[in-house]
């Protein structure tokens, strides 16, 4: 006789308490067909990331529209874990958006969630493909609140508001805050597009936080060489001739 399978350990993430309670009730209704154990609840993406790293979680029922860090961003950070949990999104999206989930083989649940649909989703829950998450960003475009890196098996979040500059070096991008540097594997062009409202290009390989510019100066002894400095950083960053005029125009609007 085969031993019974251990229960599926589930984390419920939704910014609305009634929605979390309903999911708990629906999971109770599923008990006859699927053994589950709700190991916790979170009301935002940051709390969810913390809980997943403090305990074993097999699957996350993840709301998409949440204040601050939304569900798609949270899922992208979770995917950096060595053993990420399965992700099932819960959403009130329209049919067009749900079609995008289906095309990308991403499990989703329409609110209000039904027990039979939840059982099917949990039975086939799987790790998300990073490319699929990128595609879903087109359905719900929103700049991330954090970048992230995996350090010694843990996810370290970098608040975008703390970033002073982003500099491309070989296949990596250096993320500089006042406290330290991080290396991420992302495209500088993509970062520029995502954070166009907050960062300015000053060189082909460098974006700076526009709100943190404290000085723009001219290099001595050079006809057209310029640099800038950022709040909280003594380092001088070179401004290319091509970007200098555009930089001055953008700064006039601040």
C-alpha atoms as a PDB file:
ATOM      1  CA  UNK A   1       0.000   0.000   0.000  1.00  0.00           C
ATOM      2  CA  UNK A   2       1.417   3.374  -1.059  1.00  0.00           C
ATOM      3  CA  UNK A   3       1.967   5.995   1.607  1.00  0.00           C
ATOM      4  CA  UNK A   4      -0.277   9.034   1.244  1.00  0.00           C
ATOM      5  CA  UNK A   5       1.284  12.038  -0.486  1.00  0.00           C
ATOM      6  CA  UNK A   6       2.232  14.923   1.810  1.00  0.00           C
ATOM      7  CA  UNK A   7      -0.125  17.901   1.631  1.00  0.00           C
ATOM      8  CA  UNK A   8       0.607  20.702  -0.815  1.00  0.00           C
ATOM      9  CA  UNK A   9       1.951  23.633   1.207  1.00  0.00           C
ATOM     10  CA  UNK A  10       0.244  26.810   0.015  1.00  0.00           C
ATOM     11  CA  UNK A  11       0.756  30.522   0.626  1.00  0.00           C
ATOM     12  CA  UNK A  12      -2.210  32.826  -0.098  1.00  0.00           C
ATOM     13  CA  UNK A  13      -1.313  36.345  -1.263  1.00  0.00           C
ATOM     14  CA  UNK A  14      -3.966  39.035  -1.703  1.00  0.00           C
ATOM     15  CA  UNK A  15      -4.194  42.619  -0.445  1.00  0.00           C
ATOM     16  CA  UNK A  16      -7.880  42.138   0.477  1.00  0.00           C
ATOM     17  CA  UNK A  17      -8.643  40.107   3.601  1.00  0.00           C
ATOM     18  CA  UNK A  18     -12.076  38.876   2.345  1.00  0.00           C
ATOM     19  CA  UNK A  19     -10.409  37.454  -0.764  1.00  0.00           C
ATOM     20  CA  UNK A  20      -7.844  35.596   1.363  1.00  0.00           C
ATOM     21  CA  UNK A  21     -10.601  34.209   3.592  1.00  0.00           C
ATOM     22  CA  UNK A  22     -12.574  33.052   0.570  1.00  0.00           C
ATOM     23  CA  UNK A  23      -9.565  31.203  -0.818  1.00  0.00           C
ATOM     24  CA  UNK A  24      -9.125  29.454   2.536  1.00  0.00           C
ATOM     25  CA  UNK A  25     -12.774  28.396   2.447  1.00  0.00           C
ATOM     26  CA  UNK A  26     -12.480  27.141  -1.133  1.00  0.00           C
ATOM     27  CA  UNK A  27      -9.333  25.189  -0.252  1.00  0.00           C
ATOM     28  CA  UNK A  28     -11.270  23.541   2.571  1.00  0.00           C
ATOM     29  CA  UNK A  29     -13.899  22.510   0.030  1.00  0.00           C
ATOM     30  CA  UNK A  30     -11.116  20.892  -2.036  1.00  0.00           C
ATOM     31  CA  UNK A  31      -9.905  18.681   0.804  1.00  0.00           C
ATOM     32  CA  UNK A  32     -11.677  15.561  -0.445  1.00  0.00           C
ATOM     33  CA  UNK A  33      -9.847  15.723  -3.779  1.00  0.00           C
ATOM     34  CA  UNK A  34      -6.548  17.297  -2.870  1.00  0.00           C
ATOM     35  CA  UNK A  35      -4.556  17.385   0.372  1.00  0.00           C
ATOM     36  CA  UNK A  36      -3.435  20.949   1.099  1.00  0.00           C
ATOM     37  CA  UNK A  37      -1.924  22.847   4.008  1.00  0.00           C
ATOM     38  CA  UNK A  38      -2.209  26.658   4.075  1.00  0.00           C
ATOM     39  CA  UNK A  39       1.121  27.640   5.623  1.00  0.00           C
ATOM     40  CA  UNK A  40       0.465  31.371   5.627  1.00  0.00           C
ATOM     41  CA  UNK A  41      -1.139  34.493   4.201  1.00  0.00           C
ATOM     42  CA  UNK A  42       0.428  37.686   2.871  1.00  0.00           C
ATOM     43  CA  UNK A  43      -1.208  40.956   1.918  1.00  0.00           C
ATOM     44  CA  UNK A  44       1.542  42.206  -0.409  1.00  0.00           C
ATOM     45  CA  UNK A  45       4.430  41.043  -2.567  1.00  0.00           C
ATOM     46  CA  UNK A  46       7.157  41.978  -0.089  1.00  0.00           C
ATOM     47  CA  UNK A  47       5.580  39.944   2.694  1.00  0.00           C
ATOM     48  CA  UNK A  48       5.111  37.010   0.315  1.00  0.00           C
ATOM     49  CA  UNK A  49       8.805  37.010  -0.642  1.00  0.00           C
ATOM     50  CA  UNK A  50       9.790  37.054   3.025  1.00  0.00           C
ATOM     51  CA  UNK A  51       7.481  34.180   3.951  1.00  0.00           C
ATOM     52  CA  UNK A  52       8.567  31.957   1.055  1.00  0.00           C
ATOM     53  CA  UNK A  53      12.188  32.343   2.150  1.00  0.00           C
ATOM     54  CA  UNK A  54      11.416  31.479   5.788  1.00  0.00           C
ATOM     55  CA  UNK A  55       9.498  28.265   5.199  1.00  0.00           C
ATOM     56  CA  UNK A  56       8.858  25.597   2.589  1.00  0.00           C
ATOM     57  CA  UNK A  57       6.119  26.626   0.169  1.00  0.00           C
ATOM     58  CA  UNK A  58       5.053  24.399  -2.720  1.00  0.00           C
ATOM     59  CA  UNK A  59       2.580  26.763  -4.375  1.00  0.00           C
ATOM     60  CA  UNK A  60       1.609  30.423  -4.129  1.00  0.00           C
ATOM     61  CA  UNK A  61      -1.915  31.652  -4.897  1.00  0.00           C
ATOM     62  CA  UNK A  62      -0.968  35.144  -5.991  1.00  0.00           C
ATOM     63  CA  UNK A  63      -3.199  38.136  -6.648  1.00  0.00           C
ATOM     64  CA  UNK A  64      -2.012  40.352  -9.509  1.00  0.00           C
ATOM     65  CA  UNK A  65      -3.328  43.812  -8.759  1.00  0.00           C
ATOM     66  CA  UNK A  66      -1.825  44.832  -5.424  1.00  0.00           C
ATOM     67  CA  UNK A  67      -0.502  48.197  -4.220  1.00  0.00           C
ATOM     68  CA  UNK A  68       3.265  48.564  -4.363  1.00  0.00           C
ATOM     69  CA  UNK A  69       4.779  45.322  -5.611  1.00  0.00           C
ATOM     70  CA  UNK A  70       2.183  43.594  -7.802  1.00  0.00           C
ATOM     71  CA  UNK A  71       1.841  39.869  -8.350  1.00  0.00           C
ATOM     72  CA  UNK A  72       3.773  39.732 -11.620  1.00  0.00           C
ATOM     73  CA  UNK A  73       6.778  41.456 -10.061  1.00  0.00           C
ATOM     74  CA  UNK A  74       6.596  39.242  -6.980  1.00  0.00           C
ATOM     75  CA  UNK A  75       6.550  36.127  -9.188  1.00  0.00           C
ATOM     76  CA  UNK A  76       9.618  37.332 -11.100  1.00  0.00           C
ATOM     77  CA  UNK A  77      11.561  37.752  -7.846  1.00  0.00           C
ATOM     78  CA  UNK A  78      10.395  34.354  -6.561  1.00  0.00           C
ATOM     79  CA  UNK A  79      11.682  32.787  -9.779  1.00  0.00           C
ATOM     80  CA  UNK A  80      15.226  33.718  -8.740  1.00  0.00           C
ATOM     81  CA  UNK A  81      15.132  31.204  -5.888  1.00  0.00           C
ATOM     82  CA  UNK A  82      17.049  27.960  -6.396  1.00  0.00           C
ATOM     83  CA  UNK A  83      13.791  26.041  -5.875  1.00  0.00           C
ATOM     84  CA  UNK A  84      10.947  28.459  -6.613  1.00  0.00           C
ATOM     85  CA  UNK A  85       7.377  27.578  -5.703  1.00  0.00           C
ATOM     86  CA  UNK A  86       4.687  26.992  -8.298  1.00  0.00           C
ATOM     87  CA  UNK A  87       2.686  30.143  -9.027  1.00  0.00           C
ATOM     88  CA  UNK A  88      -1.050  30.351  -9.678  1.00  0.00           C
ATOM     89  CA  UNK A  89      -2.380  33.843 -10.301  1.00  0.00           C
ATOM     90  CA  UNK A  90      -5.808  34.933  -9.138  1.00  0.00           C
ATOM     91  CA  UNK A  91      -7.277  37.738 -11.197  1.00  0.00           C
ATOM     92  CA  UNK A  92     -10.356  39.674 -12.156  1.00  0.00           C
ATOM     93  CA  UNK A  93      -8.900  40.375 -15.618  1.00  0.00           C
ATOM     94  CA  UNK A  94     -11.033  40.391 -18.734  1.00  0.00           C
ATOM     95  CA  UNK A  95     -11.129  37.676 -21.387  1.00  0.00           C
ATOM     96  CA  UNK A  96      -8.345  39.254 -23.456  1.00  0.00           C
ATOM     97  CA  UNK A  97      -5.922  39.190 -20.526  1.00  0.00           C
ATOM     98  CA  UNK A  98      -6.880  35.617 -19.611  1.00  0.00           C
ATOM     99  CA  UNK A  99      -6.137  34.564 -23.185  1.00  0.00           C
ATOM    100  CA  UNK A 100      -2.612  35.908 -22.715  1.00  0.00           C
ATOM    101  CA  UNK A 101      -2.208  33.698 -19.637  1.00  0.00           C
ATOM    102  CA  UNK A 102      -3.378  30.663 -21.578  1.00  0.00           C
ATOM    103  CA  UNK A 103      -1.044  31.350 -24.510  1.00  0.00           C
ATOM    104  CA  UNK A 104       1.884  31.497 -22.111  1.00  0.00           C
ATOM    105  CA  UNK A 105       0.871  28.291 -20.279  1.00  0.00           C
ATOM    106  CA  UNK A 106       0.446  30.167 -17.009  1.00  0.00           C
ATOM    107  CA  UNK A 107      -2.091  28.938 -14.468  1.00  0.00           C
ATOM    108  CA  UNK A 108      -4.641  31.509 -13.395  1.00  0.00           C
ATOM    109  CA  UNK A 109      -7.918  31.637 -11.509  1.00  0.00           C
ATOM    110  CA  UNK A 110     -10.741  34.032 -12.229  1.00  0.00           C
ATOM    111  CA  UNK A 111     -12.325  35.656  -9.190  1.00  0.00           C
ATOM    112  CA  UNK A 112     -14.526  34.529  -7.553  1.00  0.00           C
ATOM    113  CA  UNK A 113     -12.588  31.272  -7.440  1.00  0.00           C
ATOM    114  CA  UNK A 114     -14.484  27.980  -7.783  1.00  0.00           C
ATOM    115  CA  UNK A 115     -13.396  24.812  -6.004  1.00  0.00           C
ATOM    116  CA  UNK A 116     -13.257  22.608  -9.127  1.00  0.00           C
ATOM    117  CA  UNK A 117     -11.141  25.159 -10.996  1.00  0.00           C
ATOM    118  CA  UNK A 118      -8.790  25.524  -8.019  1.00  0.00           C
ATOM    119  CA  UNK A 119      -8.278  21.757  -7.797  1.00  0.00           C
ATOM    120  CA  UNK A 120      -7.363  21.604 -11.499  1.00  0.00           C
ATOM    121  CA  UNK A 121      -4.920  24.503 -11.152  1.00  0.00           C
ATOM    122  CA  UNK A 122      -3.209  23.058  -8.072  1.00  0.00           C
ATOM    123  CA  UNK A 123      -3.006  19.603  -9.635  1.00  0.00           C
ATOM    124  CA  UNK A 124      -0.949  20.957 -12.539  1.00  0.00           C
ATOM    125  CA  UNK A 125       0.843  23.790 -10.740  1.00  0.00           C
ATOM    126  CA  UNK A 126       4.374  24.303 -12.021  1.00  0.00           C
ATOM    127  CA  UNK A 127       7.286  26.700 -11.944  1.00  0.00           C
ATOM    128  CA  UNK A 128       6.804  29.724 -14.172  1.00  0.00           C
ATOM    129  CA  UNK A 129       8.941  30.457 -17.190  1.00  0.00           C
ATOM    130  CA  UNK A 130      10.689  33.844 -16.950  1.00  0.00           C
ATOM    131  CA  UNK A 131       9.889  34.542 -20.598  1.00  0.00           C
ATOM    132  CA  UNK A 132       6.186  33.995 -19.937  1.00  0.00           C
ATOM    133  CA  UNK A 133       6.268  36.603 -17.167  1.00  0.00           C
ATOM    134  CA  UNK A 134       7.870  39.063 -19.571  1.00  0.00           C
ATOM    135  CA  UNK A 135       5.059  38.475 -22.049  1.00  0.00           C
ATOM    136  CA  UNK A 136       2.412  39.028 -19.381  1.00  0.00           C
ATOM    137  CA  UNK A 137       3.916  42.425 -18.573  1.00  0.00           C
ATOM    138  CA  UNK A 138       2.448  43.548 -21.872  1.00  0.00           C
ATOM    139  CA  UNK A 139      -1.039  42.860 -20.489  1.00  0.00           C
ATOM    140  CA  UNK A 140      -0.427  44.761 -17.269  1.00  0.00           C
ATOM    141  CA  UNK A 141       2.525  47.120 -17.871  1.00  0.00           C
ATOM    142  CA  UNK A 142       3.878  48.574 -14.664  1.00  0.00           C
ATOM    143  CA  UNK A 143       7.445  49.463 -13.706  1.00  0.00           C
ATOM    144  CA  UNK A 144       8.906  47.310 -10.963  1.00  0.00           C
ATOM    145  CA  UNK A 145       9.346  48.737  -7.480  1.00  0.00           C
ATOM    146  CA  UNK A 146      12.468  46.626  -6.889  1.00  0.00           C
ATOM    147  CA  UNK A 147      15.254  44.877  -8.756  1.00  0.00           C
ATOM    148  CA  UNK A 148      16.614  41.689  -7.218  1.00  0.00           C
ATOM    149  CA  UNK A 149      19.664  39.457  -7.035  1.00  0.00           C
ATOM    150  CA  UNK A 150      20.233  36.000  -5.597  1.00  0.00           C
ATOM    151  CA  UNK A 151      22.962  36.083  -2.949  1.00  0.00           C
ATOM    152  CA  UNK A 152      23.886  32.884  -1.126  1.00  0.00           C
ATOM    153  CA  UNK A 153      20.526  31.356  -1.907  1.00  0.00           C
ATOM    154  CA  UNK A 154      18.457  34.329  -0.736  1.00  0.00           C
ATOM    155  CA  UNK A 155      16.688  37.010  -2.726  1.00  0.00           C
ATOM    156  CA  UNK A 156      18.040  40.500  -2.018  1.00  0.00           C
ATOM    157  CA  UNK A 157      15.663  43.257  -3.102  1.00  0.00           C
ATOM    158  CA  UNK A 158      16.990  46.601  -4.362  1.00  0.00           C
ATOM    159  CA  UNK A 159      14.395  49.397  -4.098  1.00  0.00           C
ATOM    160  CA  UNK A 160      14.368  51.330  -7.381  1.00  0.00           C
ATOM    161  CA  UNK A 161      14.102  54.568  -5.365  1.00  0.00           C
ATOM    162  CA  UNK A 162      17.523  53.783  -3.820  1.00  0.00           C
ATOM    163  CA  UNK A 163      19.323  53.302  -7.136  1.00  0.00           C
ATOM    164  CA  UNK A 164      21.746  56.079  -8.141  1.00  0.00           C
ATOM    165  CA  UNK A 165      22.885  54.682 -11.465  1.00  0.00           C
ATOM    166  CA  UNK A 166      22.787  51.646 -13.740  1.00  0.00           C
ATOM    167  CA  UNK A 167      25.927  50.939 -15.756  1.00  0.00           C
ATOM    168  CA  UNK A 168      26.372  48.227 -18.391  1.00  0.00           C
ATOM    169  CA  UNK A 169      29.616  46.258 -18.156  1.00  0.00           C
ATOM    170  CA  UNK A 170      30.082  43.237 -20.430  1.00  0.00           C
ATOM    171  CA  UNK A 171      27.036  40.985 -19.908  1.00  0.00           C
ATOM    172  CA  UNK A 172      26.117  42.521 -16.539  1.00  0.00           C
ATOM    173  CA  UNK A 173      24.629  45.780 -15.319  1.00  0.00           C
ATOM    174  CA  UNK A 174      26.070  47.351 -12.182  1.00  0.00           C
ATOM    175  CA  UNK A 175      23.349  48.691  -9.899  1.00  0.00           C
ATOM    176  CA  UNK A 176      24.762  51.408  -7.637  1.00  0.00           C
ATOM    177  CA  UNK A 177      23.103  52.592  -4.451  1.00  0.00           C
ATOM    178  CA  UNK A 178      24.607  54.859  -1.792  1.00  0.00           C
ATOM    179  CA  UNK A 179      25.429  51.759   0.264  1.00  0.00           C
ATOM    180  CA  UNK A 180      26.880  49.294  -2.267  1.00  0.00           C
ATOM    181  CA  UNK A 181      26.952  47.795  -5.764  1.00  0.00           C
ATOM    182  CA  UNK A 182      25.024  44.837  -7.171  1.00  0.00           C
ATOM    183  CA  UNK A 183      25.424  42.953 -10.453  1.00  0.00           C
ATOM    184  CA  UNK A 184      22.322  41.947 -12.412  1.00  0.00           C
ATOM    185  CA  UNK A 185      21.894  40.200 -15.748  1.00  0.00           C
ATOM    186  CA  UNK A 186      19.482  42.544 -17.496  1.00  0.00           C
ATOM    187  CA  UNK A 187      19.528  44.707 -20.599  1.00  0.00           C
ATOM    188  CA  UNK A 188      20.307  48.404 -20.050  1.00  0.00           C
ATOM    189  CA  UNK A 189      18.019  49.249 -22.962  1.00  0.00           C
ATOM    190  CA  UNK A 190      15.155  47.392 -21.358  1.00  0.00           C
ATOM    191  CA  UNK A 191      15.796  49.059 -18.002  1.00  0.00           C
ATOM    192  CA  UNK A 192      15.801  52.458 -19.721  1.00  0.00           C
ATOM    193  CA  UNK A 193      12.422  51.719 -21.290  1.00  0.00           C
ATOM    194  CA  UNK A 194      10.894  50.432 -18.048  1.00  0.00           C
ATOM    195  CA  UNK A 195      12.158  53.285 -15.872  1.00  0.00           C
ATOM    196  CA  UNK A 196      12.106  56.140 -18.396  1.00  0.00           C
ATOM    197  CA  UNK A 197      10.343  58.439 -15.922  1.00  0.00           C
ATOM    198  CA  UNK A 198      13.048  58.097 -13.291  1.00  0.00           C
ATOM    199  CA  UNK A 199      16.352  57.559 -15.130  1.00  0.00           C
ATOM    200  CA  UNK A 200      18.251  59.502 -17.795  1.00  0.00           C
ATOM    201  CA  UNK A 201      20.871  58.166 -20.195  1.00  0.00           C
ATOM    202  CA  UNK A 202      24.151  60.066 -19.922  1.00  0.00           C
ATOM    203  CA  UNK A 203      26.315  57.635 -21.885  1.00  0.00           C
ATOM    204  CA  UNK A 204      25.746  54.603 -24.079  1.00  0.00           C
ATOM    205  CA  UNK A 205      26.480  52.416 -21.051  1.00  0.00           C
ATOM    206  CA  UNK A 206      25.001  54.450 -18.169  1.00  0.00           C
ATOM    207  CA  UNK A 207      21.631  55.589 -16.802  1.00  0.00           C
ATOM    208  CA  UNK A 208      21.358  57.900 -13.786  1.00  0.00           C
ATOM    209  CA  UNK A 209      18.509  58.701 -11.395  1.00  0.00           C
ATOM    210  CA  UNK A 210      17.385  62.144 -12.575  1.00  0.00           C
ATOM    211  CA  UNK A 211      16.165  63.185  -9.133  1.00  0.00           C
ATOM    212  CA  UNK A 212      19.619  62.516  -7.646  1.00  0.00           C
ATOM    213  CA  UNK A 213      21.688  64.724  -9.990  1.00  0.00           C
ATOM    214  CA  UNK A 214      23.432  67.394  -7.908  1.00  0.00           C
ATOM    215  CA  UNK A 215      26.047  68.766 -10.309  1.00  0.00           C
ATOM    216  CA  UNK A 216      26.805  68.903 -14.027  1.00  0.00           C
ATOM    217  CA  UNK A 217      30.308  70.138 -14.822  1.00  0.00           C
ATOM    218  CA  UNK A 218      32.876  70.530 -17.570  1.00  0.00           C
ATOM    219  CA  UNK A 219      36.122  68.612 -17.549  1.00  0.00           C
ATOM    220  CA  UNK A 220      39.152  70.936 -17.450  1.00  0.00           C
ATOM    221  CA  UNK A 221      41.295  71.073 -20.553  1.00  0.00           C
ATOM    222  CA  UNK A 222      38.723  69.442 -22.832  1.00  0.00           C
ATOM    223  CA  UNK A 223      36.554  71.253 -25.362  1.00  0.00           C
ATOM    224  CA  UNK A 224      33.384  69.247 -24.908  1.00  0.00           C
ATOM    225  CA  UNK A 225      33.908  66.817 -22.053  1.00  0.00           C
ATOM    226  CA  UNK A 226      31.329  66.881 -19.255  1.00  0.00           C
ATOM    227  CA  UNK A 227      30.618  64.956 -16.079  1.00  0.00           C
ATOM    228  CA  UNK A 228      27.974  64.827 -13.373  1.00  0.00           C
ATOM    229  CA  UNK A 229      27.761  63.920  -9.722  1.00  0.00           C
ATOM    230  CA  UNK A 230      24.885  62.343  -7.847  1.00  0.00           C
ATOM    231  CA  UNK A 231      23.655  62.860  -4.297  1.00  0.00           C
ATOM    232  CA  UNK A 232      25.332  60.470  -1.902  1.00  0.00           C
ATOM    233  CA  UNK A 233      28.186  59.628  -4.280  1.00  0.00           C
ATOM    234  CA  UNK A 234      31.541  61.372  -4.880  1.00  0.00           C
ATOM    235  CA  UNK A 235      32.212  59.494  -8.109  1.00  0.00           C
ATOM    236  CA  UNK A 236      32.276  61.582 -11.300  1.00  0.00           C
ATOM    237  CA  UNK A 237      30.269  60.018 -14.132  1.00  0.00           C
ATOM    238  CA  UNK A 238      31.189  60.888 -17.693  1.00  0.00           C
ATOM    239  CA  UNK A 239      28.520  62.421 -19.957  1.00  0.00           C
ATOM    240  CA  UNK A 240      28.940  61.699 -23.648  1.00  0.00           C
ATOM    241  CA  UNK A 241      28.814  64.516 -26.191  1.00  0.00           C
ATOM    242  CA  UNK A 242      25.762  62.922 -27.778  1.00  0.00           C
ATOM    243  CA  UNK A 243      23.831  62.791 -24.505  1.00  0.00           C
ATOM    244  CA  UNK A 244      24.897  66.142 -23.058  1.00  0.00           C
ATOM    245  CA  UNK A 245      22.433  68.317 -25.014  1.00  0.00           C
ATOM    246  CA  UNK A 246      19.536  65.944 -24.349  1.00  0.00           C
ATOM    247  CA  UNK A 247      20.490  65.853 -20.664  1.00  0.00           C
ATOM    248  CA  UNK A 248      20.459  69.655 -20.385  1.00  0.00           C
ATOM    249  CA  UNK A 249      17.043  69.825 -22.054  1.00  0.00           C
ATOM    250  CA  UNK A 250      15.588  67.192 -19.765  1.00  0.00           C
ATOM    251  CA  UNK A 251      16.979  68.887 -16.683  1.00  0.00           C
ATOM    252  CA  UNK A 252      15.203  72.145 -17.591  1.00  0.00           C
ATOM    253  CA  UNK A 253      11.889  70.408 -17.018  1.00  0.00           C
ATOM    254  CA  UNK A 254      12.715  69.406 -13.440  1.00  0.00           C
END
